[in-house]
Amino acid sequence: MSSAIDRLNKIYECIENIEFIINNSDLKTTQAVEDKLIKPAIRMNIVRIAEQFTKLKEDNEFKILEEFTSEDLKGISAVRNYIAHDYDSTDDNIIEDVIRYNLPIFKEIIKTLIK
């Protein structure tokens, strides 16, 4: 279970990294996901989040994964694949939606699980 907690902590850290990036720029979220310097950092953290969820699945941590909706898990995986395989065509609106809607949900669930 400790490796599962480590993975959840990594996801949480990536979410906080994205929040830090956005909160410490003079840009709104919409502008941040389009910024040449900020965009790669945000996207890399999203990729890292998806990869930690994949590792939880590979580790058979289904009890933890059940706390997240299957749509959210499929969605973060799809966004990761989209970023990794079609980087230049990734729709910034999708990234913005992940930041605004999915990551806060993940963060709250992870907070509860870590306690």
Foldseek 3Di string as FASTA:
>chain_A
DVVLLVLLVLLLVLLVQLVCLQVPDPDHLLVQCVDPVNVVSNLVSLLSNLVSVVVCVVVVVVVLVVLDDPCLNVLSVVLNCCCVPVVVPRDSVSSSCCSPPVSVVSNVSSVVVSD
